[in-house]
């Protein structure tokens, strides 16, 4: 799936680009979370749920450069599915600190428990070295103990 943050003929820069990116994040996360919530409702087995989530997140890409991806964690910090870094799946990142010392996964969990929202942190960009500033949007997945998120790296 490829979503672009540009309407025909529009030139986006500065605040407009940021506002557009936030709208895309919110739309992708909300639609994906609602869809997963519906499907997961009928799957009681945790292993099957995990496999479905991992298959679901892998192909999702958005933004023109396809740098957008989604991920799903438990509310205890376990990475269930990660579209950007599959190697994180199965790891608990509750104690992860970003480049500035922020417990970013704990911040994500807190945001999910409050119903969702945006926050800023630093995270490794797939294929790059080091951590980059990122705006992230998180929502709980309805009817589950999971949350779903996506972010945009800030140049």
Protein backbone atom coordinates (compact mmCIF):
# COMPACT_ATOMS: atom_id res chain seq x y z
CA UNK A 1 0.00 0.00 0.00
CA UNK A 2 1.44 3.40 -0.95
CA UNK A 3 -0.14 6.61 0.32
CA UNK A 4 1.15 9.95 -0.80
CA UNK A 5 0.93 13.19 1.07
CA UNK A 6 0.45 15.36 -1.97
CA UNK A 7 -2.74 16.21 -3.79
CA UNK A 8 -2.59 16.78 -7.56
CA UNK A 9 -0.86 20.06 -8.32
CA UNK A 10 -0.05 20.82 -4.68
CA UNK A 11 3.40 21.80 -3.52
CA UNK A 12 3.94 21.12 0.14
CA UNK A 13 6.62 22.68 2.28
CA UNK A 14 7.22 23.53 5.93
CA UNK A 15 4.13 23.47 8.12
CA UNK A 16 1.86 22.28 5.31
CA UNK A 17 4.01 19.20 4.78
CA UNK A 18 4.04 18.50 8.53
CA UNK A 19 0.27 18.88 8.82
CA UNK A 20 -0.25 16.64 5.80
CA UNK A 21 2.12 13.99 7.18
CA UNK A 22 0.24 14.01 10.50
CA UNK A 23 -3.06 13.47 8.67
CA UNK A 24 -1.58 10.55 6.75
CA UNK A 25 -0.19 9.00 9.96
CA UNK A 26 -3.52 9.34 11.71
CA UNK A 27 -5.46 7.89 8.76
CA UNK A 28 -3.12 4.92 8.26
CA UNK A 29 -2.93 4.06 11.96
CA UNK A 30 -6.66 4.45 12.55
CA UNK A 31 -7.72 2.41 9.50
CA UNK A 32 -5.14 -0.30 10.17
CA UNK A 33 -5.99 -0.50 13.87
CA UNK A 34 -9.73 -0.68 13.24
CA UNK A 35 -9.22 -3.39 10.63
CA UNK A 36 -6.93 -5.43 12.87
CA UNK A 37 -9.34 -5.07 15.80
CA UNK A 38 -12.17 -6.54 13.74
CA UNK A 39 -10.12 -9.46 12.44
CA UNK A 40 -8.44 -10.25 15.76
CA UNK A 41 -11.83 -10.43 17.49
CA UNK A 42 -12.43 -13.86 15.95
CA UNK A 43 -8.94 -15.26 16.69
CA UNK A 44 -8.58 -16.38 20.31
CA UNK A 45 -5.20 -18.14 19.89
CA UNK A 46 -2.29 -15.77 20.69
CA UNK A 47 0.11 -17.51 18.29
CA UNK A 48 -2.35 -17.11 15.41
CA UNK A 49 -2.93 -13.45 16.38
CA UNK A 50 0.81 -12.79 16.36
CA UNK A 51 1.25 -14.43 12.94
CA UNK A 52 -1.65 -12.43 11.48
CA UNK A 53 -0.30 -9.14 12.86
CA UNK A 54 3.16 -9.87 11.47
CA UNK A 55 1.75 -10.64 8.00
CA UNK A 56 -0.46 -7.54 8.18
CA UNK A 57 2.27 -4.99 9.00
CA UNK A 58 5.00 -6.18 6.62
CA UNK A 59 3.71 -4.86 3.25
CA UNK A 60 2.34 -1.53 4.48
CA UNK A 61 4.35 1.40 3.13
CA UNK A 62 3.37 5.02 2.70
CA UNK A 63 4.78 8.47 1.92
CA UNK A 64 6.41 9.14 -1.44
CA UNK A 65 9.73 7.63 -0.39
CA UNK A 66 7.95 4.63 1.23
CA UNK A 67 9.59 5.48 4.58
CA UNK A 68 6.25 5.07 6.38
CA UNK A 69 5.53 1.72 8.05
CA UNK A 70 3.32 0.47 10.89
CA UNK A 71 4.07 -1.59 13.98
CA UNK A 72 2.10 -3.29 16.75
CA UNK A 73 3.17 -3.68 20.40
CA UNK A 74 1.48 -5.07 23.48
CA UNK A 75 0.64 -2.64 26.27
CA UNK A 76 3.55 -4.26 28.16
CA UNK A 77 6.11 -3.23 25.52
CA UNK A 78 6.47 -6.47 23.53
CA UNK A 79 6.96 -5.92 19.78
CA UNK A 80 4.36 -8.12 18.07
CA UNK A 81 4.84 -6.96 14.48
CA UNK A 82 7.18 -4.32 13.03
CA UNK A 83 6.97 -3.27 9.40
CA UNK A 84 10.27 -1.40 9.49
CA UNK A 85 12.47 -3.68 11.57
CA UNK A 86 11.32 -7.29 11.61
CA UNK A 87 14.32 -8.13 13.84
CA UNK A 88 12.54 -6.39 16.76
CA UNK A 89 9.58 -8.79 16.72
CA UNK A 90 9.34 -10.81 19.93
CA UNK A 91 11.50 -8.37 21.93
CA UNK A 92 10.25 -6.39 24.89
CA UNK A 93 11.34 -2.76 24.56
CA UNK A 94 9.69 -1.37 27.70
CA UNK A 95 13.09 -0.12 28.90
CA UNK A 96 14.22 1.27 25.52
CA UNK A 97 15.57 4.81 25.66
CA UNK A 98 15.99 6.94 22.58
CA UNK A 99 19.09 9.01 21.71
CA UNK A 100 17.96 11.73 24.15
CA UNK A 101 17.28 9.33 27.04
CA UNK A 102 13.48 9.29 26.69
CA UNK A 103 11.67 6.04 27.45
CA UNK A 104 9.88 6.21 24.10
CA UNK A 105 8.09 2.85 24.27
CA UNK A 106 6.72 3.77 27.69
CA UNK A 107 5.58 7.06 26.17
CA UNK A 108 3.85 5.13 23.38
CA UNK A 109 2.09 2.87 25.91
CA UNK A 110 0.95 5.88 27.94
CA UNK A 111 -0.34 7.54 24.76
CA UNK A 112 -2.24 4.37 23.79
CA UNK A 113 -3.77 4.04 27.26
CA UNK A 114 -5.08 7.61 26.92
CA UNK A 115 -6.81 6.72 23.65
CA UNK A 116 -4.06 7.71 21.22
CA UNK A 117 -2.18 10.73 19.98
CA UNK A 118 1.09 12.19 18.74
CA UNK A 119 4.49 12.46 20.41
CA UNK A 120 8.09 13.16 19.36
CA UNK A 121 11.10 10.95 19.95
CA UNK A 122 14.21 9.58 18.23
CA UNK A 123 14.33 6.23 16.48
CA UNK A 124 16.62 4.33 14.13
CA UNK A 125 15.64 4.82 10.50
CA UNK A 126 15.64 1.50 8.63
CA UNK A 127 18.76 1.23 6.49
CA UNK A 128 20.50 4.19 8.20
CA UNK A 129 22.93 4.54 11.10
CA UNK A 130 21.96 6.45 14.22
CA UNK A 131 18.63 7.73 15.46
CA UNK A 132 16.56 10.44 13.80
CA UNK A 133 13.86 12.73 15.16
CA UNK A 134 10.42 11.33 14.52
CA UNK A 135 6.79 12.33 15.03
CA UNK A 136 4.76 9.25 15.94
CA UNK A 137 1.03 8.60 16.10
CA UNK A 138 -0.30 5.80 18.35
CA UNK A 139 -3.77 4.30 18.90
CA UNK A 140 -4.97 1.31 20.89
CA UNK A 141 -6.32 -1.53 18.76
CA UNK A 142 -10.00 -1.87 19.76
CA UNK A 143 -10.88 -4.95 21.81
CA UNK A 144 -7.24 -5.96 22.36
CA UNK A 145 -4.23 -5.34 24.61
CA UNK A 146 -2.23 -4.05 21.62
CA UNK A 147 -1.47 -0.64 20.21
CA UNK A 148 -0.56 0.31 16.67
CA UNK A 149 1.66 3.16 15.56
CA UNK A 150 3.49 4.83 12.71
CA UNK A 151 5.77 7.80 12.42
CA UNK A 152 7.47 10.21 10.11
CA UNK A 153 11.15 11.09 10.28
CA UNK A 154 11.73 14.83 10.49
CA UNK A 155 14.46 16.09 8.14
